[in-house]
Amino acid sequence: MKKNTVLCGANSYLQKYYLNEQFQRLPERVRQELQIMCVLFVEDVGGVLTLEFLEDGTLTLNVSKDDADYLFDEIGSELKIREIQREKAGLLQGLETYYKTVFLKQPFHEDEEAEETE
């Protein structure tokens, strides 16, 4: 069984941000945008946010919380995830394409990329 590949994450309990060293070659602007997005998310709703690639290259946003964290905003978390998916759709799609091309060695087809973002 293959594990998901973690791109990055932020933890409100440890007040830390993590970027997988395999993704250090991403442009600085993209790395900064990921950091800001993750840190603001956990500052707002709490818990732990990780961005992970599934085996097929799909990028998922996963949220977890400590069982004893009664201040975690579960509804706010779901709303914030949807907001990120809507507002950062281009970034998330670009990261999926990058992962599929560089890590999974799938051929890049620009016409398919345009269809998926429409």
PDB file of N, CA and C in Angstrom:
ATOM      1  N   MET A   1       0.842  -1.189   0.000  1.00  0.00           N
ATOM      2  CA  MET A   1       0.000   0.000   0.000  1.00  0.00           C
ATOM      3  C   MET A   1       0.886   1.252   0.000  1.00  0.00           C
ATOM      4  N   LYS A   2       0.638   2.122  -0.943  1.00  0.00           N
ATOM      5  CA  LYS A   2       1.417   3.337  -1.081  1.00  0.00           C
ATOM      6  C   LYS A   2       0.806   4.444  -0.225  1.00  0.00           C
ATOM      7  N   LYS A   3       1.652   5.241   0.396  1.00  0.00           N
ATOM      8  CA  LYS A   3       1.191   6.341   1.227  1.00  0.00           C
ATOM      9  C   LYS A   3       1.041   7.611   0.398  1.00  0.00           C
ATOM     10  N   ASN A   4       0.223   8.508   0.898  1.00  0.00           N
ATOM     11  CA  ASN A   4       0.104   9.824   0.290  1.00  0.00           C
ATOM     12  C   ASN A   4       1.419  10.576   0.467  1.00  0.00           C
ATOM     13  N   THR A   5       1.668  11.520  -0.437  1.00  0.00           N
ATOM     14  CA  THR A   5       2.851  12.369  -0.341  1.00  0.00           C
ATOM     15  C   THR A   5       2.426  13.716   0.210  1.00  0.00           C
ATOM     16  N   VAL A   6       2.959  14.086   1.347  1.00  0.00           N
ATOM     17  CA  VAL A   6       2.632  15.370   1.967  1.00  0.00           C
ATOM     18  C   VAL A   6       3.397  16.471   1.248  1.00  0.00           C
ATOM     19  N   LEU A   7       2.678  17.486   0.827  1.00  0.00           N
ATOM     20  CA  LEU A   7       3.291  18.666   0.213  1.00  0.00           C
ATOM     21  C   LEU A   7       3.725  19.628   1.313  1.00  0.00           C
ATOM     22  N   CYS A   8       2.772  19.993   2.171  1.00  0.00           N
ATOM     23  CA  CYS A   8       3.061  20.932   3.243  1.00  0.00           C
ATOM     24  C   CYS A   8       1.966  20.844   4.297  1.00  0.00           C
ATOM     25  N   GLY A   9       2.168  21.534   5.401  1.00  0.00           N
ATOM     26  CA  GLY A   9       1.167  21.543   6.443  1.00  0.00           C
ATOM     27  C   GLY A   9       1.493  22.566   7.512  1.00  0.00           C
ATOM     28  N   ALA A  10       0.489  22.841   8.320  1.00  0.00           N
ATOM     29  CA  ALA A  10       0.653  23.754   9.445  1.00  0.00           C
ATOM     30  C   ALA A  10      -0.066  23.160  10.645  1.00  0.00           C
ATOM     31  N   ASN A  11       0.511  23.376  11.819  1.00  0.00           N
ATOM     32  CA  ASN A  11       0.000  22.802  13.048  1.00  0.00           C
ATOM     33  C   ASN A  11      -0.212  23.929  14.056  1.00  0.00           C
ATOM     34  N   SER A  12      -1.476  24.131  14.465  1.00  0.00           N
ATOM     35  CA  SER A  12      -1.757  25.215  15.409  1.00  0.00           C
ATOM     36  C   SER A  12      -1.289  24.878  16.817  1.00  0.00           C
ATOM     37  N   TYR A  13      -1.172  23.611  17.151  1.00  0.00           N
ATOM     38  CA  TYR A  13      -0.755  23.204  18.492  1.00  0.00           C
ATOM     39  C   TYR A  13       0.741  23.444  18.704  1.00  0.00           C
ATOM     40  N   LEU A  14       1.531  23.161  17.689  1.00  0.00           N
ATOM     41  CA  LEU A  14       2.981  23.352  17.778  1.00  0.00           C
ATOM     42  C   LEU A  14       3.419  24.691  17.199  1.00  0.00           C
ATOM     43  N   GLN A  15       2.489  25.398  16.565  1.00  0.00           N
ATOM     44  CA  GLN A  15       2.748  26.664  15.881  1.00  0.00           C
ATOM     45  C   GLN A  15       3.916  26.515  14.917  1.00  0.00           C
ATOM     46  N   LYS A  16       3.781  25.503  14.030  1.00  0.00           N
ATOM     47  CA  LYS A  16       4.829  25.221  13.052  1.00  0.00           C
ATOM     48  C   LYS A  16       4.234  25.038  11.672  1.00  0.00           C
ATOM     49  N   TYR A  17       5.074  25.337  10.679  1.00  0.00           N
ATOM     50  CA  TYR A  17       4.748  25.104   9.281  1.00  0.00           C
ATOM     51  C   TYR A  17       5.788  24.140   8.736  1.00  0.00           C
ATOM     52  N   TYR A  18       5.355  23.248   7.852  1.00  0.00           N
ATOM     53  CA  TYR A  18       6.258  22.259   7.273  1.00  0.00           C
ATOM     54  C   TYR A  18       6.084  22.242   5.763  1.00  0.00           C
ATOM     55  N   LEU A  19       7.205  22.248   5.037  1.00  0.00           N
ATOM     56  CA  LEU A  19       7.199  22.053   3.590  1.00  0.00           C
ATOM     57  C   LEU A  19       8.102  20.865   3.306  1.00  0.00           C
ATOM     58  N   ASN A  20       7.562  19.858   2.634  1.00  0.00           N
ATOM     59  CA  ASN A  20       8.324  18.673   2.274  1.00  0.00           C
ATOM     60  C   ASN A  20       9.526  19.099   1.434  1.00  0.00           C
ATOM     61  N   GLU A  21      10.709  18.650   1.826  1.00  0.00           N
ATOM     62  CA  GLU A  21      11.925  19.066   1.122  1.00  0.00           C
ATOM     63  C   GLU A  21      11.947  18.652  -0.349  1.00  0.00           C
ATOM     64  N   GLN A  22      11.133  17.674  -0.734  1.00  0.00           N
ATOM     65  CA  GLN A  22      11.050  17.277  -2.139  1.00  0.00           C
ATOM     66  C   GLN A  22      10.491  18.395  -3.018  1.00  0.00           C
ATOM     67  N   PHE A  23       9.839  19.374  -2.386  1.00  0.00           N
ATOM     68  CA  PHE A  23       9.182  20.448  -3.132  1.00  0.00           C
ATOM     69  C   PHE A  23       9.924  21.781  -3.005  1.00  0.00           C
ATOM     70  N   GLN A  24      11.187  21.745  -2.596  1.00  0.00           N
ATOM     71  CA  GLN A  24      11.981  22.964  -2.466  1.00  0.00           C
ATOM     72  C   GLN A  24      12.221  23.649  -3.815  1.00  0.00           C
ATOM     73  N   ARG A  25      12.066  22.897  -4.904  1.00  0.00           N
ATOM     74  CA  ARG A  25      12.296  23.479  -6.230  1.00  0.00           C
ATOM     75  C   ARG A  25      11.089  24.254  -6.754  1.00  0.00           C
ATOM     76  N   LEU A  26       9.991  24.248  -6.023  1.00  0.00           N
ATOM     77  CA  LEU A  26       8.858  25.088  -6.416  1.00  0.00           C
ATOM     78  C   LEU A  26       9.297  26.545  -6.362  1.00  0.00           C
ATOM     79  N   PRO A  27       8.711  27.394  -7.198  1.00  0.00           N
ATOM     80  CA  PRO A  27       9.072  28.817  -7.143  1.00  0.00           C
ATOM     81  C   PRO A  27       8.826  29.402  -5.750  1.00  0.00           C
ATOM     82  N   GLU A  28       9.671  30.330  -5.359  1.00  0.00           N
ATOM     83  CA  GLU A  28       9.573  30.973  -4.043  1.00  0.00           C
ATOM     84  C   GLU A  28       8.173  31.538  -3.793  1.00  0.00           C
ATOM     85  N   ARG A  29       7.599  32.168  -4.797  1.00  0.00           N
ATOM     86  CA  ARG A  29       6.256  32.753  -4.658  1.00  0.00           C
ATOM     87  C   ARG A  29       5.221  31.687  -4.303  1.00  0.00           C
ATOM     88  N   VAL A  30       5.312  30.519  -4.925  1.00  0.00           N
ATOM     89  CA  VAL A  30       4.380  29.417  -4.654  1.00  0.00           C
ATOM     90  C   VAL A  30       4.598  28.899  -3.235  1.00  0.00           C
ATOM     91  N   ARG A  31       5.843  28.727  -2.834  1.00  0.00           N
ATOM     92  CA  ARG A  31       6.141  28.255  -1.474  1.00  0.00           C
ATOM     93  C   ARG A  31       5.610  29.243  -0.434  1.00  0.00           C
ATOM     94  N   GLN A  32       5.769  30.530  -0.693  1.00  0.00           N
ATOM     95  CA  GLN A  32       5.265  31.545   0.232  1.00  0.00           C
ATOM     96  C   GLN A  32       3.742  31.531   0.306  1.00  0.00           C
ATOM     97  N   GLU A  33       3.103  31.382  -0.857  1.00  0.00           N
ATOM     98  CA  GLU A  33       1.640  31.345  -0.890  1.00  0.00           C
ATOM     99  C   GLU A  33       1.103  30.137  -0.123  1.00  0.00           C
ATOM    100  N   LEU A  34       1.764  28.993  -0.262  1.00  0.00           N
ATOM    101  CA  LEU A  34       1.361  27.802   0.488  1.00  0.00           C
ATOM    102  C   LEU A  34       1.509  28.028   1.990  1.00  0.00           C
ATOM    103  N   GLN A  35       2.621  28.634   2.382  1.00  0.00           N
ATOM    104  CA  GLN A  35       2.854  28.879   3.800  1.00  0.00           C
ATOM    105  C   GLN A  35       1.796  29.824   4.367  1.00  0.00           C
ATOM    106  N   ILE A  36       1.538  30.899   3.682  1.00  0.00           N
ATOM    107  CA  ILE A  36       0.537  31.862   4.142  1.00  0.00           C
ATOM    108  C   ILE A  36      -0.834  31.198   4.237  1.00  0.00           C
ATOM    109  N   MET A  37      -1.202  30.447   3.214  1.00  0.00           N
ATOM    110  CA  MET A  37      -2.502  29.776   3.191  1.00  0.00           C
ATOM    111  C   MET A  37      -2.660  28.814   4.370  1.00  0.00           C
ATOM    112  N   CYS A  38      -1.654  27.995   4.611  1.00  0.00           N
ATOM    113  CA  CYS A  38      -1.727  27.001   5.688  1.00  0.00           C
ATOM    114  C   CYS A  38      -1.735  27.647   7.068  1.00  0.00           C
ATOM    115  N   VAL A  39      -0.840  28.606   7.267  1.00  0.00           N
ATOM    116  CA  VAL A  39      -0.744  29.246   8.580  1.00  0.00           C
ATOM    117  C   VAL A  39      -2.014  30.037   8.900  1.00  0.00           C
ATOM    118  N   LEU A  40      -2.525  30.773   7.928  1.00  0.00           N
ATOM    119  CA  LEU A  40      -3.769  31.514   8.171  1.00  0.00           C
ATOM    120  C   LEU A  40      -4.929  30.579   8.479  1.00  0.00           C
ATOM    121  N   PHE A  41      -4.962  29.424   7.811  1.00  0.00           N
ATOM    122  CA  PHE A  41      -6.024  28.452   8.067  1.00  0.00           C
ATOM    123  C   PHE A  41      -6.012  28.002   9.526  1.00  0.00           C
ATOM    124  N   VAL A  42      -4.853  27.535  10.012  1.00  0.00           N
ATOM    125  CA  VAL A  42      -4.804  27.020  11.385  1.00  0.00           C
ATOM    126  C   VAL A  42      -4.916  28.134  12.421  1.00  0.00           C
ATOM    127  N   GLU A  43      -4.499  29.353  12.072  1.00  0.00           N
ATOM    128  CA  GLU A  43      -4.694  30.485  12.976  1.00  0.00           C
ATOM    129  C   GLU A  43      -6.179  30.787  13.127  1.00  0.00           C
ATOM    130  N   ASP A  44      -6.925  30.615  12.046  1.00  0.00           N
ATOM    131  CA  ASP A  44      -8.346  30.939  12.024  1.00  0.00           C
ATOM    132  C   ASP A  44      -9.198  29.870  12.706  1.00  0.00           C
ATOM    133  N   VAL A  45      -8.993  28.602  12.361  1.00  0.00           N
ATOM    134  CA  VAL A  45      -9.883  27.545  12.866  1.00  0.00           C
ATOM    135  C   VAL A  45      -9.217  26.563  13.812  1.00  0.00           C
ATOM    136  N   GLY A  46      -7.887  26.557  13.860  1.00  0.00           N
ATOM    137  CA  GLY A  46      -7.172  25.635  14.745  1.00  0.00           C
ATOM    138  C   GLY A  46      -6.866  24.327  14.051  1.00  0.00           C
ATOM    139  N   GLY A  47      -6.357  23.377  14.822  1.00  0.00           N
ATOM    140  CA  GLY A  47      -6.078  22.046  14.303  1.00  0.00           C
ATOM    141  C   GLY A  47      -4.819  21.973  13.465  1.00  0.00           C
ATOM    142  N   VAL A  48      -4.798  20.970  12.601  1.00  0.00           N
ATOM    143  CA  VAL A  48      -3.658  20.709  11.727  1.00  0.00           C
ATOM    144  C   VAL A  48      -4.176  20.603  10.301  1.00  0.00           C
ATOM    145  N   LEU A  49      -3.559  21.320   9.384  1.00  0.00           N
ATOM    146  CA  LEU A  49      -3.906  21.255   7.966  1.00  0.00           C
ATOM    147  C   LEU A  49      -2.725  20.676   7.216  1.00  0.00           C
ATOM    148  N   THR A  50      -2.980  19.657   6.391  1.00  0.00           N
ATOM    149  CA  THR A  50      -1.938  19.130   5.508  1.00  0.00           C
ATOM    150  C   THR A  50      -2.478  19.089   4.088  1.00  0.00           C
ATOM    151  N   LEU A  51      -1.614  19.411   3.145  1.00  0.00           N
ATOM    152  CA  LEU A  51      -1.919  19.260   1.731  1.00  0.00           C
ATOM    153  C   LEU A  51      -1.169  18.019   1.274  1.00  0.00           C
ATOM    154  N   GLU A  52      -1.910  17.042   0.742  1.00  0.00           N
ATOM    155  CA  GLU A  52      -1.316  15.764   0.383  1.00  0.00           C
ATOM    156  C   GLU A  52      -1.725  15.359  -1.020  1.00  0.00           C
ATOM    157  N   PHE A  53      -0.788  14.717  -1.704  1.00  0.00           N
ATOM    158  CA  PHE A  53      -1.064  14.155  -3.014  1.00  0.00           C
ATOM    159  C   PHE A  53      -1.427  12.688  -2.850  1.00  0.00           C
ATOM    160  N   LEU A  54      -2.544  12.281  -3.454  1.00  0.00           N
ATOM    161  CA  LEU A  54      -2.926  10.873  -3.474  1.00  0.00           C
ATOM    162  C   LEU A  54      -2.090  10.154  -4.525  1.00  0.00           C
ATOM    163  N   GLU A  55      -2.198   8.836  -4.597  1.00  0.00           N
ATOM    164  CA  GLU A  55      -1.422   8.047  -5.556  1.00  0.00           C
ATOM    165  C   GLU A  55      -1.622   8.505  -6.994  1.00  0.00           C
ATOM    166  N   ASP A  56      -2.844   8.948  -7.330  1.00  0.00           N
ATOM    167  CA  ASP A  56      -3.130   9.362  -8.703  1.00  0.00           C
ATOM    168  C   ASP A  56      -2.739  10.812  -8.992  1.00  0.00           C
ATOM    169  N   GLY A  57      -2.207  11.512  -7.983  1.00  0.00           N
ATOM    170  CA  GLY A  57      -1.768  12.890  -8.174  1.00  0.00           C
ATOM    171  C   GLY A  57      -2.779  13.930  -7.755  1.00  0.00           C
ATOM    172  N   THR A  58      -3.931  13.509  -7.267  1.00  0.00           N
ATOM    173  CA  THR A  58      -4.940  14.446  -6.793  1.00  0.00           C
ATOM    174  C   THR A  58      -4.465  15.092  -5.497  1.00  0.00           C
ATOM    175  N   LEU A  59      -4.604  16.400  -5.400  1.00  0.00           N
ATOM    176  CA  LEU A  59      -4.196  17.134  -4.206  1.00  0.00           C
ATOM    177  C   LEU A  59      -5.388  17.255  -3.269  1.00  0.00           C
ATOM    178  N   THR A  60      -5.202  16.843  -2.022  1.00  0.00           N
ATOM    179  CA  THR A  60      -6.273  16.926  -1.031  1.00  0.00           C
ATOM    180  C   THR A  60      -5.848  17.826   0.117  1.00  0.00           C
ATOM    181  N   LEU A  61      -6.814  18.452   0.740  1.00  0.00           N
ATOM    182  CA  LEU A  61      -6.589  19.269   1.925  1.00  0.00           C
ATOM    183  C   LEU A  61      -7.194  18.512   3.093  1.00  0.00           C
ATOM    184  N   ASN A  62      -6.354  18.100   4.024  1.00  0.00           N
ATOM    185  CA  ASN A  62      -6.813  17.296   5.159  1.00  0.00           C
ATOM    186  C   ASN A  62      -6.686  18.088   6.449  1.00  0.00           C
ATOM    187  N   VAL A  63      -7.737  18.011   7.251  1.00  0.00           N
ATOM    188  CA  VAL A  63      -7.756  18.708   8.532  1.00  0.00           C
ATOM    189  C   VAL A  63      -7.934  17.673   9.631  1.00  0.00           C
ATOM    190  N   SER A  64      -7.147  17.824  10.673  1.00  0.00           N
ATOM    191  CA  SER A  64      -7.307  16.966  11.851  1.00  0.00           C
ATOM    192  C   SER A  64      -7.229  17.846  13.088  1.00  0.00           C
ATOM    193  N   LYS A  65      -7.679  17.281  14.191  1.00  0.00           N
ATOM    194  CA  LYS A  65      -7.648  18.040  15.446  1.00  0.00           C
ATOM    195  C   LYS A  65      -7.334  17.098  16.586  1.00  0.00           C
ATOM    196  N   ASP A  66      -6.861  17.669  17.653  1.00  0.00           N
ATOM    197  CA  ASP A  66      -6.608  16.935  18.878  1.00  0.00           C
ATOM    198  C   ASP A  66      -7.961  16.608  19.501  1.00  0.00           C
ATOM    199  N   ASP A  67      -8.121  15.403  20.011  1.00  0.00           N
ATOM    200  CA  ASP A  67      -9.397  15.005  20.613  1.00  0.00           C
ATOM    201  C   ASP A  67      -9.802  15.911  21.771  1.00  0.00           C
ATOM    202  N   ALA A  68      -8.853  16.478  22.456  1.00  0.00           N
ATOM    203  CA  ALA A  68      -9.141  17.342  23.599  1.00  0.00           C
ATOM    204  C   ALA A  68      -9.328  18.808  23.202  1.00  0.00           C
ATOM    205  N   ASP A  69      -9.295  19.106  21.922  1.00  0.00           N
ATOM    206  CA  ASP A  69      -9.426  20.486  21.455  1.00  0.00           C
ATOM    207  C   ASP A  69     -10.901  20.836  21.269  1.00  0.00           C
ATOM    208  N   TYR A  70     -11.480  21.392  22.303  1.00  0.00           N
ATOM    209  CA  TYR A  70     -12.902  21.744  22.254  1.00  0.00           C
ATOM    210  C   TYR A  70     -13.135  23.104  21.612  1.00  0.00           C
ATOM    211  N   LEU A  71     -12.075  23.824  21.324  1.00  0.00           N
ATOM    212  CA  LEU A  71     -12.191  25.130  20.676  1.00  0.00           C
ATOM    213  C   LEU A  71     -12.087  25.042  19.159  1.00  0.00           C
ATOM    214  N   PHE A  72     -11.775  23.848  18.636  1.00  0.00           N
ATOM    215  CA  PHE A  72     -11.644  23.670  17.195  1.00  0.00           C
ATOM    216  C   PHE A  72     -12.974  23.990  16.517  1.00  0.00           C
ATOM    217  N   ASP A  73     -12.921  24.795  15.461  1.00  0.00           N
ATOM    218  CA  ASP A  73     -14.109  25.232  14.733  1.00  0.00           C
ATOM    219  C   ASP A  73     -14.357  24.306  13.539  1.00  0.00           C
ATOM    220  N   GLU A  74     -15.149  23.248  13.758  1.00  0.00           N
ATOM    221  CA  GLU A  74     -15.370  22.254  12.706  1.00  0.00           C
ATOM    222  C   GLU A  74     -16.126  22.835  11.509  1.00  0.00           C
ATOM    223  N   ILE A  75     -17.149  23.608  11.774  1.00  0.00           N
ATOM    224  CA  ILE A  75     -17.920  24.220  10.676  1.00  0.00           C
ATOM    225  C   ILE A  75     -17.061  25.239   9.940  1.00  0.00           C
ATOM    226  N   GLY A  76     -16.352  26.063  10.691  1.00  0.00           N
ATOM    227  CA  GLY A  76     -15.465  27.039  10.081  1.00  0.00           C
ATOM    228  C   GLY A  76     -14.382  26.377   9.246  1.00  0.00           C
ATOM    229  N   SER A  77     -13.934  25.220   9.701  1.00  0.00           N
ATOM    230  CA  SER A  77     -12.916  24.467   8.971  1.00  0.00           C
ATOM    231  C   SER A  77     -13.428  24.042   7.601  1.00  0.00           C
ATOM    232  N   GLU A  78     -14.612  23.482   7.559  1.00  0.00           N
ATOM    233  CA  GLU A  78     -15.193  23.038   6.284  1.00  0.00           C
ATOM    234  C   GLU A  78     -15.428  24.216   5.350  1.00  0.00           C
ATOM    235  N   LEU A  79     -15.915  25.329   5.902  1.00  0.00           N
ATOM    236  CA  LEU A  79     -16.151  26.519   5.082  1.00  0.00           C
ATOM    237  C   LEU A  79     -14.839  27.086   4.547  1.00  0.00           C
ATOM    238  N   LYS A  80     -13.812  27.088   5.374  1.00  0.00           N
ATOM    239  CA  LYS A  80     -12.503  27.614   4.962  1.00  0.00           C
ATOM    240  C   LYS A  80     -11.875  26.736   3.883  1.00  0.00           C
ATOM    241  N   ILE A  81     -12.041  25.413   3.985  1.00  0.00           N
ATOM    242  CA  ILE A  81     -11.525  24.506   2.953  1.00  0.00           C
ATOM    243  C   ILE A  81     -12.190  24.814   1.614  1.00  0.00           C
ATOM    244  N   ARG A  82     -13.506  24.963   1.620  1.00  0.00           N
ATOM    245  CA  ARG A  82     -14.227  25.289   0.383  1.00  0.00           C
ATOM    246  C   ARG A  82     -13.766  26.626  -0.194  1.00  0.00           C
ATOM    247  N   GLU A  83     -13.537  27.595   0.683  1.00  0.00           N
ATOM    248  CA  GLU A  83     -13.069  28.912   0.245  1.00  0.00           C
ATOM    249  C   GLU A  83     -11.689  28.797  -0.411  1.00  0.00           C
ATOM    250  N   ILE A  84     -10.807  28.038   0.198  1.00  0.00           N
ATOM    251  CA  ILE A  84      -9.469  27.835  -0.368  1.00  0.00           C
ATOM    252  C   ILE A  84      -9.576  27.148  -1.721  1.00  0.00           C
ATOM    253  N   GLN A  85     -10.401  26.110  -1.807  1.00  0.00           N
ATOM    254  CA  GLN A  85     -10.554  25.382  -3.066  1.00  0.00           C
ATOM    255  C   GLN A  85     -11.099  26.277  -4.164  1.00  0.00           C
ATOM    256  N   ARG A  86     -11.952  27.211  -3.806  1.00  0.00           N
ATOM    257  CA  ARG A  86     -12.540  28.124  -4.788  1.00  0.00           C
ATOM    258  C   ARG A  86     -11.544  29.234  -5.163  1.00  0.00           C
ATOM    259  N   GLU A  87     -10.969  29.886  -4.162  1.00  0.00           N
ATOM    260  CA  GLU A  87     -10.105  31.035  -4.414  1.00  0.00           C
ATOM    261  C   GLU A  87      -8.712  30.659  -4.922  1.00  0.00           C
ATOM    262  N   LYS A  88      -8.249  29.484  -4.575  1.00  0.00           N
ATOM    263  CA  LYS A  88      -6.900  29.046  -4.959  1.00  0.00           C
ATOM    264  C   LYS A  88      -6.946  27.907  -5.978  1.00  0.00           C
ATOM    265  N   ALA A  89      -8.034  27.808  -6.730  1.00  0.00           N
ATOM    266  CA  ALA A  89      -8.210  26.709  -7.686  1.00  0.00           C
ATOM    267  C   ALA A  89      -7.058  26.630  -8.678  1.00  0.00           C
ATOM    268  N   GLY A  90      -6.619  27.764  -9.187  1.00  0.00           N
ATOM    269  CA  GLY A  90      -5.511  27.775 -10.148  1.00  0.00           C
ATOM    270  C   GLY A  90      -4.224  27.254  -9.543  1.00  0.00           C
ATOM    271  N   LEU A  91      -3.918  27.684  -8.322  1.00  0.00           N
ATOM    272  CA  LEU A  91      -2.717  27.223  -7.628  1.00  0.00           C
ATOM    273  C   LEU A  91      -2.786  25.724  -7.372  1.00  0.00           C
ATOM    274  N   LEU A  92      -3.908  25.259  -6.859  1.00  0.00           N
ATOM    275  CA  LEU A  92      -4.061  23.840  -6.539  1.00  0.00           C
ATOM    276  C   LEU A  92      -3.981  22.974  -7.794  1.00  0.00           C
ATOM    277  N   GLN A  93      -4.598  23.420  -8.882  1.00  0.00           N
ATOM    278  CA  GLN A  93      -4.547  22.684 -10.145  1.00  0.00           C
ATOM    279  C   GLN A  93      -3.123  22.655 -10.693  1.00  0.00           C
ATOM    280  N   GLY A  94      -2.438  23.775 -10.583  1.00  0.00           N
ATOM    281  CA  GLY A  94      -1.053  23.841 -11.040  1.00  0.00           C
ATOM    282  C   GLY A  94      -0.144  22.910 -10.246  1.00  0.00           C
ATOM    283  N   LEU A  95      -0.380  22.816  -8.945  1.00  0.00           N
ATOM    284  CA  LEU A  95       0.406  21.904  -8.106  1.00  0.00           C
ATOM    285  C   LEU A  95       0.146  20.445  -8.482  1.00  0.00           C
ATOM    286  N   GLU A  96      -1.119  20.125  -8.779  1.00  0.00           N
ATOM    287  CA  GLU A  96      -1.444  18.761  -9.229  1.00  0.00           C
ATOM    288  C   GLU A  96      -0.711  18.440 -10.533  1.00  0.00           C
ATOM    289  N   THR A  97      -0.738  19.376 -11.470  1.00  0.00           N
ATOM    290  CA  THR A  97      -0.064  19.174 -12.747  1.00  0.00           C
ATOM    291  C   THR A  97       1.438  19.003 -12.539  1.00  0.00           C
ATOM    292  N   TYR A  98       2.010  19.835 -11.688  1.00  0.00           N
ATOM    293  CA  TYR A  98       3.441  19.738 -11.371  1.00  0.00           C
ATOM    294  C   TYR A  98       3.768  18.361 -10.804  1.00  0.00           C
ATOM    295  N   TYR A  99       2.987  17.908  -9.845  1.00  0.00           N
ATOM    296  CA  TYR A  99       3.240  16.616  -9.205  1.00  0.00           C
ATOM    297  C   TYR A  99       3.112  15.466 -10.204  1.00  0.00           C
ATOM    298  N   LYS A 100       2.057  15.505 -11.004  1.00  0.00           N
ATOM    299  CA  LYS A 100       1.840  14.439 -11.992  1.00  0.00           C
ATOM    300  C   LYS A 100       2.957  14.396 -13.024  1.00  0.00           C
ATOM    301  N   THR A 101       3.443  15.566 -13.426  1.00  0.00           N
ATOM    302  CA  THR A 101       4.483  15.641 -14.452  1.00  0.00           C
ATOM    303  C   THR A 101       5.862  15.291 -13.891  1.00  0.00           C
ATOM    304  N   VAL A 102       6.230  15.882 -12.772  1.00  0.00           N
ATOM    305  CA  VAL A 102       7.580  15.722 -12.228  1.00  0.00           C
ATOM    306  C   VAL A 102       7.743  14.427 -11.439  1.00  0.00           C
ATOM    307  N   PHE A 103       6.769  14.093 -10.598  1.00  0.00           N
ATOM    308  CA  PHE A 103       6.916  12.944  -9.700  1.00  0.00           C
ATOM    309  C   PHE A 103       6.327  11.652 -10.275  1.00  0.00           C
ATOM    310  N   LEU A 104       5.172  11.767 -10.933  1.00  0.00           N
ATOM    311  CA  LEU A 104       4.542  10.568 -11.496  1.00  0.00           C
ATOM    312  C   LEU A 104       4.950  10.327 -12.943  1.00  0.00           C
ATOM    313  N   LYS A 105       5.694  11.271 -13.501  1.00  0.00           N
ATOM    314  CA  LYS A 105       6.220  11.163 -14.873  1.00  0.00           C
ATOM    315  C   LYS A 105       5.121  10.992 -15.928  1.00  0.00           C
ATOM    316  N   GLN A 106       3.967  11.604 -15.666  1.00  0.00           N
ATOM    317  CA  GLN A 106       2.886  11.578 -16.651  1.00  0.00           C
ATOM    318  C   GLN A 106       3.147  12.682 -17.674  1.00  0.00           C
ATOM    319  N   PRO A 107       2.834  12.427 -18.931  1.00  0.00           N
ATOM    320  CA  PRO A 107       3.042  13.472 -19.942  1.00  0.00           C
ATOM    321  C   PRO A 107       2.093  14.652 -19.703  1.00  0.00           C
ATOM    322  N   PHE A 108       2.596  15.831 -19.964  1.00  0.00           N
ATOM    323  CA  PHE A 108       1.804  17.052 -19.810  1.00  0.00           C
ATOM    324  C   PHE A 108       1.097  17.366 -21.112  1.00  0.00           C
ATOM    325  N   HIS A 109      -0.211  17.547 -21.032  1.00  0.00           N
ATOM    326  CA  HIS A 109      -1.019  17.910 -22.200  1.00  0.00           C
ATOM    327  C   HIS A 109      -1.706  19.225 -21.885  1.00  0.00           C
ATOM    328  N   GLU A 110      -1.242  20.286 -22.515  1.00  0.00           N
ATOM    329  CA  GLU A 110      -1.745  21.621 -22.239  1.00  0.00           C
ATOM    330  C   GLU A 110      -3.241  21.747 -22.511  1.00  0.00           C
ATOM    331  N   ASP A 111      -3.764  21.068 -23.529  1.00  0.00           N
ATOM    332  CA  ASP A 111      -5.180  21.142 -23.857  1.00  0.00           C
ATOM    333  C   ASP A 111      -6.028  20.506 -22.755  1.00  0.00           C
ATOM    334  N   GLU A 112      -5.574  19.448 -22.111  1.00  0.00           N
ATOM    335  CA  GLU A 112      -6.304  18.830 -21.009  1.00  0.00           C
ATOM    336  C   GLU A 112      -6.307  19.745 -19.802  1.00  0.00           C
ATOM    337  N   GLU A 113      -5.186  20.412 -19.562  1.00  0.00           N
ATOM    338  CA  GLU A 113      -5.071  21.356 -18.440  1.00  0.00           C
ATOM    339  C   GLU A 113      -6.103  22.470 -18.590  1.00  0.00           C
ATOM    340  N   ALA A 114      -6.255  22.993 -19.796  1.00  0.00           N
ATOM    341  CA  ALA A 114      -7.213  24.076 -20.045  1.00  0.00           C
ATOM    342  C   ALA A 114      -8.647  23.591 -19.815  1.00  0.00           C
ATOM    343  N   GLU A 115      -8.968  22.361 -20.214  1.00  0.00           N
ATOM    344  CA  GLU A 115     -10.308  21.828 -20.023  1.00  0.00           C
ATOM    345  C   GLU A 115     -10.631  21.646 -18.556  1.00  0.00           C
ATOM    346  N   GLU A 116      -9.665  21.207 -17.745  1.00  0.00           N
ATOM    347  CA  GLU A 116      -9.906  20.951 -16.330  1.00  0.00           C
ATOM    348  C   GLU A 116     -10.155  22.232 -15.552  1.00  0.00           C
ATOM    349  N   THR A 117      -9.574  23.342 -15.951  1.00  0.00           N
ATOM    350  CA  THR A 117      -9.733  24.585 -15.216  1.00  0.00           C
ATOM    351  C   THR A 117     -10.980  25.366 -15.626  1.00  0.00           C
ATOM    352  N   GLU A 118     -11.646  24.946 -16.677  1.00  0.00           N
ATOM    353  CA  GLU A 118     -12.851  25.668 -17.125  1.00  0.00           C
ATOM    354  C   GLU A 118     -14.054  25.294 -16.315  1.00  0.00           C
TER     355      GLU A 118
END
